[in-house]
Amino acid sequence: MNAVRKLRDSIRARYLKVDTATVADVLDVLGHPDQGLAPGFAPYPSDAGRMGGFAYTIVGKMQRYAGTGDPRKMRAVDGVGRGELAVWSGEGKGVCFFGELIALGMKRRGCAGALVDGGIRDIEWIKRQRFPVYARYRTPVQSIGRWKVTAWQVPVDIPGATRKRVRVRPGDFILADADGVIAIPARVALKVLVEAERLTAREVRIRRELDRGATLKEMLKKYGHV
């Protein structure tokens, strides 16, 4: 178990050193061209920065119900673990899926952040917790009585950039930065990472040579497409 955890921690740390744009280029070459998520996903707070982790999926739906809470949501949140990233799906309409207290609870379990196909609130308080979130919108309206969790750790469909939906499965890797969010299928995550690291190192060399006076034409001749 420790060996598996160390490997996952290493993969996550390495992914946090590459850009989503580079990963997207690698996925194109490997035949996975539609893994980018919809451009409507934005960081909350705006300076949340880079985010990455293994998908822990939670799905729900807009549904009126009586009561003061959603016990299934609490059970789902309790299952998230170290290095995982909570992927909330269910197309919320005007309501938030979670706020500060749930975010704090997930962080204490080692959760690496949240991707929310819906709304978020308590943004200033979440900022203080240094818990990164990318969501479709912000809203002060709670989900209690309006939206409820129906399942977790199942495949979910998230709005995509180049296709209507992107399938995200538990254990896929989610990476987000200033350019947006991308989902890397678990079966190719390590292969994508190794190639992304190679391209990142090449880009560092190109920037260094440009800074020293090389021309873009020379770089294209030397390195090909950049």
C-alpha atoms as a PDB file:
ATOM      1  CA  MET A   1       0.000   0.000   0.000  1.00  0.00           C
ATOM      2  CA  ASN A   2       2.819   2.389   0.847  1.00  0.00           C
ATOM      3  CA  ALA A   3       4.462   1.665  -2.499  1.00  0.00           C
ATOM      4  CA  VAL A   4       1.227   2.474  -4.328  1.00  0.00           C
ATOM      5  CA  ARG A   5       0.787   5.673  -2.332  1.00  0.00           C
ATOM      6  CA  LYS A   6       4.358   6.748  -3.033  1.00  0.00           C
ATOM      7  CA  LEU A   7       3.884   6.120  -6.749  1.00  0.00           C
ATOM      8  CA  ARG A   8       0.654   8.130  -6.819  1.00  0.00           C
ATOM      9  CA  ASP A   9       2.246  10.943  -4.840  1.00  0.00           C
ATOM     10  CA  SER A  10       5.164  10.989  -7.275  1.00  0.00           C
ATOM     11  CA  ILE A  11       2.910  11.042 -10.343  1.00  0.00           C
ATOM     12  CA  ARG A  12       0.845  13.865  -8.905  1.00  0.00           C
ATOM     13  CA  ALA A  13       3.906  15.939  -7.992  1.00  0.00           C
ATOM     14  CA  ARG A  14       5.333  15.489 -11.490  1.00  0.00           C
ATOM     15  CA  TYR A  15       2.067  16.425 -13.194  1.00  0.00           C
ATOM     16  CA  LEU A  16       1.979  19.650 -11.205  1.00  0.00           C
ATOM     17  CA  LYS A  17       5.206  20.667 -12.982  1.00  0.00           C
ATOM     18  CA  VAL A  18       3.791  20.438 -16.525  1.00  0.00           C
ATOM     19  CA  ASP A  19       1.190  22.579 -18.287  1.00  0.00           C
ATOM     20  CA  THR A  20      -2.273  21.569 -19.464  1.00  0.00           C
ATOM     21  CA  ALA A  21      -1.378  22.846 -22.946  1.00  0.00           C
ATOM     22  CA  THR A  22       1.566  20.454 -23.173  1.00  0.00           C
ATOM     23  CA  VAL A  23      -0.567  17.581 -21.887  1.00  0.00           C
ATOM     24  CA  ALA A  24      -3.256  18.388 -24.464  1.00  0.00           C
ATOM     25  CA  ASP A  25      -0.663  18.244 -27.251  1.00  0.00           C
ATOM     26  CA  VAL A  26       0.536  14.844 -26.047  1.00  0.00           C
ATOM     27  CA  LEU A  27      -3.013  13.506 -25.852  1.00  0.00           C
ATOM     28  CA  ASP A  28      -3.612  14.655 -29.441  1.00  0.00           C
ATOM     29  CA  VAL A  29      -0.612  12.657 -30.650  1.00  0.00           C
ATOM     30  CA  LEU A  30      -1.695   9.588 -28.680  1.00  0.00           C
ATOM     31  CA  GLY A  31      -5.180   9.631 -30.193  1.00  0.00           C
ATOM     32  CA  HIS A  32      -7.117  11.237 -27.333  1.00  0.00           C
ATOM     33  CA  PRO A  33      -8.009  14.629 -28.861  1.00  0.00           C
ATOM     34  CA  ASP A  34     -11.151  15.433 -26.849  1.00  0.00           C
ATOM     35  CA  GLN A  35     -10.023  15.394 -23.229  1.00  0.00           C
ATOM     36  CA  GLY A  36     -10.144  19.140 -22.631  1.00  0.00           C
ATOM     37  CA  LEU A  37     -12.988  20.328 -20.415  1.00  0.00           C
ATOM     38  CA  ALA A  38     -15.322  23.219 -21.178  1.00  0.00           C
ATOM     39  CA  PRO A  39     -13.780  26.703 -21.048  1.00  0.00           C
ATOM     40  CA  GLY A  40     -16.502  27.754 -18.613  1.00  0.00           C
ATOM     41  CA  PHE A  41     -14.631  26.068 -15.754  1.00  0.00           C
ATOM     42  CA  ALA A  42     -12.781  28.808 -13.872  1.00  0.00           C
ATOM     43  CA  PRO A  43     -10.664  28.945 -10.705  1.00  0.00           C
ATOM     44  CA  TYR A  44     -12.265  30.071  -7.454  1.00  0.00           C
ATOM     45  CA  PRO A  45     -10.790  32.187  -6.085  1.00  0.00           C
ATOM     46  CA  SER A  46      -9.322  33.607  -9.279  1.00  0.00           C
ATOM     47  CA  ASP A  47      -5.782  33.037  -7.987  1.00  0.00           C
ATOM     48  CA  ALA A  48      -6.400  29.421  -6.953  1.00  0.00           C
ATOM     49  CA  GLY A  49      -3.526  28.408  -9.218  1.00  0.00           C
ATOM     50  CA  ARG A  50      -2.561  24.993 -10.506  1.00  0.00           C
ATOM     51  CA  MET A  51      -4.555  21.971  -9.391  1.00  0.00           C
ATOM     52  CA  GLY A  52      -4.087  18.265  -9.985  1.00  0.00           C
ATOM     53  CA  GLY A  53      -5.163  14.929  -8.575  1.00  0.00           C
ATOM     54  CA  PHE A  54      -6.749  11.558  -9.202  1.00  0.00           C
ATOM     55  CA  ALA A  55     -10.467  11.793  -9.893  1.00  0.00           C
ATOM     56  CA  TYR A  56     -12.835  10.914  -7.062  1.00  0.00           C
ATOM     57  CA  THR A  57     -16.225  11.254  -8.688  1.00  0.00           C
ATOM     58  CA  ILE A  58     -19.478  12.416  -7.108  1.00  0.00           C
ATOM     59  CA  VAL A  59     -22.687  12.690  -9.121  1.00  0.00           C
ATOM     60  CA  GLY A  60     -26.038  14.242  -8.276  1.00  0.00           C
ATOM     61  CA  LYS A  61     -29.113  15.807  -9.798  1.00  0.00           C
ATOM     62  CA  MET A  62     -31.482  18.707  -9.381  1.00  0.00           C
ATOM     63  CA  GLN A  63     -34.270  17.331  -7.207  1.00  0.00           C
ATOM     64  CA  ARG A  64     -36.639  18.845  -4.680  1.00  0.00           C
ATOM     65  CA  TYR A  65     -36.662  17.026  -1.343  1.00  0.00           C
ATOM     66  CA  ALA A  66     -37.641  17.599   2.264  1.00  0.00           C
ATOM     67  CA  GLY A  67     -35.236  17.696   5.172  1.00  0.00           C
ATOM     68  CA  THR A  68     -32.274  19.708   6.358  1.00  0.00           C
ATOM     69  CA  GLY A  69     -29.431  17.896   4.606  1.00  0.00           C
ATOM     70  CA  ASP A  70     -28.247  15.209   2.210  1.00  0.00           C
ATOM     71  CA  PRO A  71     -26.713  12.241   4.087  1.00  0.00           C
ATOM     72  CA  ARG A  72     -25.518  10.641   0.838  1.00  0.00           C
ATOM     73  CA  LYS A  73     -23.433  13.735   0.133  1.00  0.00           C
ATOM     74  CA  MET A  74     -21.757  13.385   3.523  1.00  0.00           C
ATOM     75  CA  ARG A  75     -20.985   9.694   2.913  1.00  0.00           C
ATOM     76  CA  ALA A  76     -19.549  10.529  -0.486  1.00  0.00           C
ATOM     77  CA  VAL A  77     -17.331  13.257   0.937  1.00  0.00           C
ATOM     78  CA  ASP A  78     -16.103  10.942   3.698  1.00  0.00           C
ATOM     79  CA  GLY A  79     -14.677   8.568   1.072  1.00  0.00           C
ATOM     80  CA  VAL A  80     -12.254  10.976  -0.593  1.00  0.00           C
ATOM     81  CA  GLY A  81      -8.584  10.278   0.050  1.00  0.00           C
ATOM     82  CA  ARG A  82      -5.070  11.622  -0.192  1.00  0.00           C
ATOM     83  CA  GLY A  83      -4.064  12.968  -3.582  1.00  0.00           C
ATOM     84  CA  GLU A  84      -7.576  12.622  -4.953  1.00  0.00           C
ATOM     85  CA  LEU A  85      -9.501  15.437  -6.570  1.00  0.00           C
ATOM     86  CA  ALA A  86     -13.254  15.603  -6.042  1.00  0.00           C
ATOM     87  CA  VAL A  87     -15.071  15.735  -9.382  1.00  0.00           C
ATOM     88  CA  TRP A  88     -18.626  16.953  -8.738  1.00  0.00           C
ATOM     89  CA  SER A  89     -20.993  16.275 -11.631  1.00  0.00           C
ATOM     90  CA  GLY A  90     -24.694  16.710 -12.183  1.00  0.00           C
ATOM     91  CA  GLU A  91     -25.165  20.010 -13.987  1.00  0.00           C
ATOM     92  CA  GLY A  92     -26.304  22.172 -11.131  1.00  0.00           C
ATOM     93  CA  LYS A  93     -28.664  24.970 -12.125  1.00  0.00           C
ATOM     94  CA  GLY A  94     -28.029  28.014  -9.965  1.00  0.00           C
ATOM     95  CA  VAL A  95     -27.118  26.171  -6.773  1.00  0.00           C
ATOM     96  CA  CYS A  96     -23.781  25.462  -5.123  1.00  0.00           C
ATOM     97  CA  PHE A  97     -22.632  21.887  -4.609  1.00  0.00           C
ATOM     98  CA  PHE A  98     -20.487  22.696  -1.607  1.00  0.00           C
ATOM     99  CA  GLY A  99     -18.956  25.475   0.447  1.00  0.00           C
ATOM    100  CA  GLU A 100     -16.280  26.085   3.037  1.00  0.00           C
ATOM    101  CA  LEU A 101     -17.091  23.356   5.564  1.00  0.00           C
ATOM    102  CA  ILE A 102     -17.187  20.514   3.039  1.00  0.00           C
ATOM    103  CA  ALA A 103     -14.051  21.862   1.386  1.00  0.00           C
ATOM    104  CA  LEU A 104     -12.296  21.919   4.749  1.00  0.00           C
ATOM    105  CA  GLY A 105     -13.438  18.357   5.495  1.00  0.00           C
ATOM    106  CA  MET A 106     -12.113  17.135   2.144  1.00  0.00           C
ATOM    107  CA  LYS A 107      -8.819  18.950   2.624  1.00  0.00           C
ATOM    108  CA  ARG A 108      -8.296  17.274   5.993  1.00  0.00           C
ATOM    109  CA  ARG A 109      -8.670  13.913   4.255  1.00  0.00           C
ATOM    110  CA  GLY A 110      -5.870  14.838   1.869  1.00  0.00           C
ATOM    111  CA  CYS A 111      -8.093  15.902  -1.025  1.00  0.00           C
ATOM    112  CA  ALA A 112      -6.145  17.917  -3.618  1.00  0.00           C
ATOM    113  CA  GLY A 113      -8.987  20.175  -4.771  1.00  0.00           C
ATOM    114  CA  ALA A 114     -12.352  20.091  -6.522  1.00  0.00           C
ATOM    115  CA  LEU A 115     -13.711  20.301 -10.044  1.00  0.00           C
ATOM    116  CA  VAL A 116     -17.357  21.342  -9.908  1.00  0.00           C
ATOM    117  CA  ASP A 117     -19.843  21.015 -12.776  1.00  0.00           C
ATOM    118  CA  GLY A 118     -22.044  23.444 -10.904  1.00  0.00           C
ATOM    119  CA  GLY A 119     -21.680  26.199  -8.335  1.00  0.00           C
ATOM    120  CA  ILE A 120     -19.491  27.108  -5.391  1.00  0.00           C
ATOM    121  CA  ARG A 121     -19.930  29.555  -2.520  1.00  0.00           C
ATOM    122  CA  ASP A 122     -17.949  30.700   0.569  1.00  0.00           C
ATOM    123  CA  ILE A 123     -15.151  31.578  -1.831  1.00  0.00           C
ATOM    124  CA  GLU A 124     -13.314  33.944   0.507  1.00  0.00           C
ATOM    125  CA  TRP A 125     -13.320  31.340   3.274  1.00  0.00           C
ATOM    126  CA  ILE A 126     -12.171  28.580   0.916  1.00  0.00           C
ATOM    127  CA  LYS A 127      -9.355  30.865  -0.205  1.00  0.00           C
ATOM    128  CA  ARG A 128      -8.122  31.016   3.375  1.00  0.00           C
ATOM    129  CA  GLN A 129      -7.955  27.216   3.415  1.00  0.00           C
ATOM    130  CA  ARG A 130      -5.742  27.217   0.273  1.00  0.00           C
ATOM    131  CA  PHE A 131      -8.061  24.655  -1.275  1.00  0.00           C
ATOM    132  CA  PRO A 132      -8.170  25.026  -5.094  1.00  0.00           C
ATOM    133  CA  VAL A 133     -11.522  24.778  -6.860  1.00  0.00           C
ATOM    134  CA  TYR A 134     -12.460  25.048 -10.518  1.00  0.00           C
ATOM    135  CA  ALA A 135     -16.192  25.469 -11.049  1.00  0.00           C
ATOM    136  CA  ARG A 136     -18.712  26.565 -13.684  1.00  0.00           C
ATOM    137  CA  TYR A 137     -20.148  29.403 -11.604  1.00  0.00           C
ATOM    138  CA  ARG A 138     -20.427  30.991  -8.174  1.00  0.00           C
ATOM    139  CA  THR A 139     -23.680  31.387  -6.270  1.00  0.00           C
ATOM    140  CA  PRO A 140     -24.847  32.055  -2.701  1.00  0.00           C
ATOM    141  CA  VAL A 141     -27.736  29.559  -3.082  1.00  0.00           C
ATOM    142  CA  GLN A 142     -27.310  26.278  -1.195  1.00  0.00           C
ATOM    143  CA  SER A 143     -28.110  22.832  -2.594  1.00  0.00           C
ATOM    144  CA  ILE A 144     -30.145  21.589   0.388  1.00  0.00           C
ATOM    145  CA  GLY A 145     -33.661  20.791  -0.785  1.00  0.00           C
ATOM    146  CA  ARG A 146     -32.677  21.449  -4.415  1.00  0.00           C
ATOM    147  CA  TRP A 147     -29.821  19.139  -5.501  1.00  0.00           C
ATOM    148  CA  LYS A 148     -28.764  15.814  -4.051  1.00  0.00           C
ATOM    149  CA  VAL A 149     -26.032  13.231  -4.498  1.00  0.00           C
ATOM    150  CA  THR A 150     -27.105  10.020  -6.232  1.00  0.00           C
ATOM    151  CA  ALA A 151     -23.807   8.083  -6.512  1.00  0.00           C
ATOM    152  CA  TRP A 152     -20.053   8.347  -6.155  1.00  0.00           C
ATOM    153  CA  GLN A 153     -16.968   6.662  -7.571  1.00  0.00           C
ATOM    154  CA  VAL A 154     -18.731   5.951 -10.856  1.00  0.00           C
ATOM    155  CA  PRO A 155     -17.965   7.216 -14.382  1.00  0.00           C
ATOM    156  CA  VAL A 156     -19.336  10.723 -14.927  1.00  0.00           C
ATOM    157  CA  ASP A 157     -19.749  12.991 -17.941  1.00  0.00           C
ATOM    158  CA  ILE A 158     -18.351  16.523 -17.696  1.00  0.00           C
ATOM    159  CA  PRO A 159     -18.915  19.335 -20.264  1.00  0.00           C
ATOM    160  CA  GLY A 160     -16.101  19.282 -22.806  1.00  0.00           C
ATOM    161  CA  ALA A 161     -14.151  21.779 -24.884  1.00  0.00           C
ATOM    162  CA  THR A 162     -14.228  20.008 -28.273  1.00  0.00           C
ATOM    163  CA  ARG A 163     -17.095  17.623 -27.630  1.00  0.00           C
ATOM    164  CA  LYS A 164     -20.300  17.885 -25.665  1.00  0.00           C
ATOM    165  CA  ARG A 165     -19.198  15.566 -22.859  1.00  0.00           C
ATOM    166  CA  VAL A 166     -15.941  14.089 -21.579  1.00  0.00           C
ATOM    167  CA  ARG A 167     -16.168  10.818 -19.675  1.00  0.00           C
ATOM    168  CA  VAL A 168     -14.221  10.929 -16.408  1.00  0.00           C
ATOM    169  CA  ARG A 169     -13.662   7.710 -14.507  1.00  0.00           C
ATOM    170  CA  PRO A 170     -12.460   7.235 -10.924  1.00  0.00           C
ATOM    171  CA  GLY A 171      -8.672   7.278 -10.963  1.00  0.00           C
ATOM    172  CA  ASP A 172      -8.285   9.407 -14.095  1.00  0.00           C
ATOM    173  CA  PHE A 173      -5.938  12.338 -13.577  1.00  0.00           C
ATOM    174  CA  ILE A 174      -7.363  15.871 -13.593  1.00  0.00           C
ATOM    175  CA  LEU A 175      -5.006  18.780 -14.269  1.00  0.00           C
ATOM    176  CA  ALA A 176      -5.991  22.467 -14.194  1.00  0.00           C
ATOM    177  CA  ASP A 177      -4.056  25.687 -14.642  1.00  0.00           C
ATOM    178  CA  ALA A 178      -4.409  29.144 -16.191  1.00  0.00           C
ATOM    179  CA  ASP A 179      -5.220  27.601 -19.587  1.00  0.00           C
ATOM    180  CA  GLY A 180      -8.093  25.436 -18.360  1.00  0.00           C
ATOM    181  CA  VAL A 181      -8.794  21.866 -17.277  1.00  0.00           C
ATOM    182  CA  ILE A 182      -7.979  18.538 -18.893  1.00  0.00           C
ATOM    183  CA  ALA A 183      -8.787  14.928 -17.970  1.00  0.00           C
ATOM    184  CA  ILE A 184      -6.131  12.272 -18.581  1.00  0.00           C
ATOM    185  CA  PRO A 185      -7.430   8.670 -18.756  1.00  0.00           C
ATOM    186  CA  ALA A 186      -5.788   6.495 -16.098  1.00  0.00           C
ATOM    187  CA  ARG A 187      -4.657   3.892 -18.643  1.00  0.00           C
ATOM    188  CA  VAL A 188      -2.384   6.426 -20.388  1.00  0.00           C
ATOM    189  CA  ALA A 189      -1.634   8.807 -17.516  1.00  0.00           C
ATOM    190  CA  LEU A 190       1.961   7.697 -16.959  1.00  0.00           C
ATOM    191  CA  LYS A 191       2.769   7.586 -20.682  1.00  0.00           C
ATOM    192  CA  VAL A 192       1.316  11.067 -21.138  1.00  0.00           C
ATOM    193  CA  LEU A 193       3.283  12.355 -18.162  1.00  0.00           C
ATOM    194  CA  VAL A 194       6.627  11.063 -19.428  1.00  0.00           C
ATOM    195  CA  GLU A 195       6.104  12.631 -22.852  1.00  0.00           C
ATOM    196  CA  ALA A 196       4.837  15.895 -21.352  1.00  0.00           C
ATOM    197  CA  GLU A 197       7.971  16.092 -19.235  1.00  0.00           C
ATOM    198  CA  ARG A 198      10.116  15.541 -22.330  1.00  0.00           C
ATOM    199  CA  LEU A 199       8.332  18.315 -24.214  1.00  0.00           C
ATOM    200  CA  THR A 200       8.549  20.632 -21.209  1.00  0.00           C
ATOM    201  CA  ALA A 201      12.324  20.150 -21.060  1.00  0.00           C
ATOM    202  CA  ARG A 202      12.538  20.905 -24.778  1.00  0.00           C
ATOM    203  CA  GLU A 203      10.518  24.091 -24.329  1.00  0.00           C
ATOM    204  CA  VAL A 204      12.913  25.191 -21.584  1.00  0.00           C
ATOM    205  CA  ARG A 205      15.829  24.754 -23.991  1.00  0.00           C
ATOM    206  CA  ILE A 206      14.004  26.695 -26.721  1.00  0.00           C
ATOM    207  CA  ARG A 207      13.222  29.608 -24.394  1.00  0.00           C
ATOM    208  CA  ARG A 208      16.848  29.697 -23.285  1.00  0.00           C
ATOM    209  CA  GLU A 209      18.086  29.820 -26.878  1.00  0.00           C
ATOM    210  CA  LEU A 210      15.550  32.504 -27.825  1.00  0.00           C
ATOM    211  CA  ASP A 211      16.676  34.573 -24.870  1.00  0.00           C
ATOM    212  CA  ARG A 212      20.230  34.288 -26.166  1.00  0.00           C
ATOM    213  CA  GLY A 213      19.228  35.692 -29.547  1.00  0.00           C
ATOM    214  CA  ALA A 214      18.167  32.716 -31.644  1.00  0.00           C
ATOM    215  CA  THR A 215      15.324  33.299 -34.105  1.00  0.00           C
ATOM    216  CA  LEU A 216      12.031  31.446 -34.201  1.00  0.00           C
ATOM    217  CA  LYS A 217      12.934  30.254 -37.713  1.00  0.00           C
ATOM    218  CA  GLU A 218      16.095  28.674 -36.340  1.00  0.00           C
ATOM    219  CA  MET A 219      14.149  27.023 -33.556  1.00  0.00           C
ATOM    220  CA  LEU A 220      11.594  25.590 -35.978  1.00  0.00           C
ATOM    221  CA  LYS A 221      14.388  24.177 -38.110  1.00  0.00           C
ATOM    222  CA  LYS A 222      16.141  22.679 -35.095  1.00  0.00           C
ATOM    223  CA  TYR A 223      13.200  21.390 -33.092  1.00  0.00           C
ATOM    224  CA  GLY A 224      10.321  21.227 -35.543  1.00  0.00           C
ATOM    225  CA  HIS A 225       6.844  22.182 -34.315  1.00  0.00           C
ATOM    226  CA  VAL A 226       7.026  24.102 -31.042  1.00  0.00           C
END
